[in-house]
């Protein structure tokens, strides 16, 4: 009563082969191989990319934002009305 022995693995492989069929298993293995290939290519691309400076250096090299130009504030106008002169 322990792990799987060779006869157990053979029976398991036969059941999987019956359930999925030979064509489906070969398709899955082909897709698995393509996934590994694209992963390896992605890792190779990652090592070939230029190194970017750390964020602390990026912040120092960026110019501080320039405040927008001060817009003139509208001055209150004197309204025509009674001045209190009688």
C-alpha atoms as a PDB file:
ATOM      1  CA  UNK A   1       0.000   0.000   0.000  1.00  0.00           C
ATOM      2  CA  UNK A   2       2.184   2.789  -1.077  1.00  0.00           C
ATOM      3  CA  UNK A   3       2.900   4.633  -4.241  1.00  0.00           C
ATOM      4  CA  UNK A   4       2.163   3.687  -7.780  1.00  0.00           C
ATOM      5  CA  UNK A   5       3.977   0.691  -9.180  1.00  0.00           C
ATOM      6  CA  UNK A   6       4.675  -0.054 -12.841  1.00  0.00           C
ATOM      7  CA  UNK A   7       1.436  -2.056 -13.412  1.00  0.00           C
ATOM      8  CA  UNK A   8      -0.586   0.789 -11.880  1.00  0.00           C
ATOM      9  CA  UNK A   9       1.060   3.341 -14.182  1.00  0.00           C
ATOM     10  CA  UNK A  10       0.397   1.163 -17.265  1.00  0.00           C
ATOM     11  CA  UNK A  11      -3.298   0.814 -16.384  1.00  0.00           C
ATOM     12  CA  UNK A  12      -3.497   4.567 -15.750  1.00  0.00           C
ATOM     13  CA  UNK A  13      -1.872   5.312 -19.116  1.00  0.00           C
ATOM     14  CA  UNK A  14      -4.338   2.969 -20.895  1.00  0.00           C
ATOM     15  CA  UNK A  15      -7.328   4.662 -19.231  1.00  0.00           C
ATOM     16  CA  UNK A  16      -6.051   8.110 -20.229  1.00  0.00           C
ATOM     17  CA  UNK A  17      -5.436   6.872 -23.779  1.00  0.00           C
ATOM     18  CA  UNK A  18      -8.966   5.471 -23.997  1.00  0.00           C
ATOM     19  CA  UNK A  19     -10.563   8.636 -22.603  1.00  0.00           C
ATOM     20  CA  UNK A  20      -8.689  11.167 -24.703  1.00  0.00           C
ATOM     21  CA  UNK A  21      -7.602   9.187 -27.742  1.00  0.00           C
ATOM     22  CA  UNK A  22      -4.180   9.155 -29.356  1.00  0.00           C
ATOM     23  CA  UNK A  23      -4.781  12.245 -31.519  1.00  0.00           C
ATOM     24  CA  UNK A  24      -5.903  14.422 -28.638  1.00  0.00           C
ATOM     25  CA  UNK A  25      -2.891  13.472 -26.503  1.00  0.00           C
ATOM     26  CA  UNK A  26      -0.463  14.238 -29.331  1.00  0.00           C
ATOM     27  CA  UNK A  27      -2.187  17.613 -29.853  1.00  0.00           C
ATOM     28  CA  UNK A  28      -1.821  18.416 -26.158  1.00  0.00           C
ATOM     29  CA  UNK A  29       1.860  17.446 -26.173  1.00  0.00           C
ATOM     30  CA  UNK A  30       2.430  19.618 -29.279  1.00  0.00           C
ATOM     31  CA  UNK A  31       0.766  22.574 -27.562  1.00  0.00           C
ATOM     32  CA  UNK A  32       2.875  21.913 -24.464  1.00  0.00           C
ATOM     33  CA  UNK A  33       6.034  21.933 -26.580  1.00  0.00           C
ATOM     34  CA  UNK A  34       5.028  25.204 -28.260  1.00  0.00           C
ATOM     35  CA  UNK A  35       4.412  26.769 -24.862  1.00  0.00           C
ATOM     36  CA  UNK A  36       7.849  25.764 -23.619  1.00  0.00           C
ATOM     37  CA  UNK A  37       9.449  27.084 -26.820  1.00  0.00           C
ATOM     38  CA  UNK A  38       7.726  30.468 -26.532  1.00  0.00           C
ATOM     39  CA  UNK A  39       8.701  30.642 -22.845  1.00  0.00           C
ATOM     40  CA  UNK A  40      12.352  30.062 -23.709  1.00  0.00           C
ATOM     41  CA  UNK A  41      12.189  32.725 -26.448  1.00  0.00           C
ATOM     42  CA  UNK A  42      10.637  35.165 -23.984  1.00  0.00           C
ATOM     43  CA  UNK A  43      13.387  34.497 -21.470  1.00  0.00           C
ATOM     44  CA  UNK A  44      16.025  35.058 -24.177  1.00  0.00           C
ATOM     45  CA  UNK A  45      14.356  38.355 -25.147  1.00  0.00           C
ATOM     46  CA  UNK A  46      14.350  39.392 -21.486  1.00  0.00           C
ATOM     47  CA  UNK A  47      18.108  38.923 -21.207  1.00  0.00           C
ATOM     48  CA  UNK A  48      18.744  40.899 -24.428  1.00  0.00           C
ATOM     49  CA  UNK A  49      16.751  43.974 -23.326  1.00  0.00           C
ATOM     50  CA  UNK A  50      18.717  47.048 -22.281  1.00  0.00           C
ATOM     51  CA  UNK A  51      18.896  47.626 -18.565  1.00  0.00           C
ATOM     52  CA  UNK A  52      16.715  50.479 -17.317  1.00  0.00           C
ATOM     53  CA  UNK A  53      17.947  52.619 -14.430  1.00  0.00           C
ATOM     54  CA  UNK A  54      16.364  52.095 -11.010  1.00  0.00           C
ATOM     55  CA  UNK A  55      13.268  54.198 -10.214  1.00  0.00           C
ATOM     56  CA  UNK A  56      15.239  56.475  -7.882  1.00  0.00           C
ATOM     57  CA  UNK A  57      17.480  57.525 -10.789  1.00  0.00           C
ATOM     58  CA  UNK A  58      14.472  57.953 -13.067  1.00  0.00           C
ATOM     59  CA  UNK A  59      12.856  60.402 -10.661  1.00  0.00           C
ATOM     60  CA  UNK A  60      16.022  62.489 -10.421  1.00  0.00           C
ATOM     61  CA  UNK A  61      16.401  62.800 -14.183  1.00  0.00           C
ATOM     62  CA  UNK A  62      12.789  63.865 -14.785  1.00  0.00           C
ATOM     63  CA  UNK A  63      12.205  67.613 -14.760  1.00  0.00           C
ATOM     64  CA  UNK A  64       9.663  68.800 -12.190  1.00  0.00           C
ATOM     65  CA  UNK A  65       6.326  69.745 -13.714  1.00  0.00           C
ATOM     66  CA  UNK A  66       5.985  73.377 -14.679  1.00  0.00           C
ATOM     67  CA  UNK A  67       2.932  75.025 -13.093  1.00  0.00           C
ATOM     68  CA  UNK A  68       0.409  76.333 -15.592  1.00  0.00           C
ATOM     69  CA  UNK A  69       0.637  80.022 -16.460  1.00  0.00           C
ATOM     70  CA  UNK A  70      -1.172  82.196 -13.944  1.00  0.00           C
ATOM     71  CA  UNK A  71      -4.385  83.362 -15.458  1.00  0.00           C
ATOM     72  CA  UNK A  72      -5.551  86.889 -14.679  1.00  0.00           C
ATOM     73  CA  UNK A  73      -8.164  87.022 -11.998  1.00  0.00           C
ATOM     74  CA  UNK A  74     -11.251  89.021 -12.911  1.00  0.00           C
ATOM     75  CA  UNK A  75     -11.452  92.214 -10.847  1.00  0.00           C
ATOM     76  CA  UNK A  76     -14.828  93.012  -9.371  1.00  0.00           C
ATOM     77  CA  UNK A  77     -16.456  95.840 -11.227  1.00  0.00           C
ATOM     78  CA  UNK A  78     -18.360  98.651  -9.581  1.00  0.00           C
ATOM     79  CA  UNK A  79     -22.025  98.392 -10.267  1.00  0.00           C
ATOM     80  CA  UNK A  80     -24.286 101.307 -11.014  1.00  0.00           C
ATOM     81  CA  UNK A  81     -26.600 101.869  -8.097  1.00  0.00           C
ATOM     82  CA  UNK A  82     -27.596 104.327  -5.451  1.00  0.00           C
ATOM     83  CA  UNK A  83     -24.598 105.983  -3.931  1.00  0.00           C
ATOM     84  CA  UNK A  84     -26.478 107.352  -1.012  1.00  0.00           C
ATOM     85  CA  UNK A  85     -26.362 110.961  -2.299  1.00  0.00           C
ATOM     86  CA  UNK A  86     -29.597 112.829  -1.876  1.00  0.00           C
END
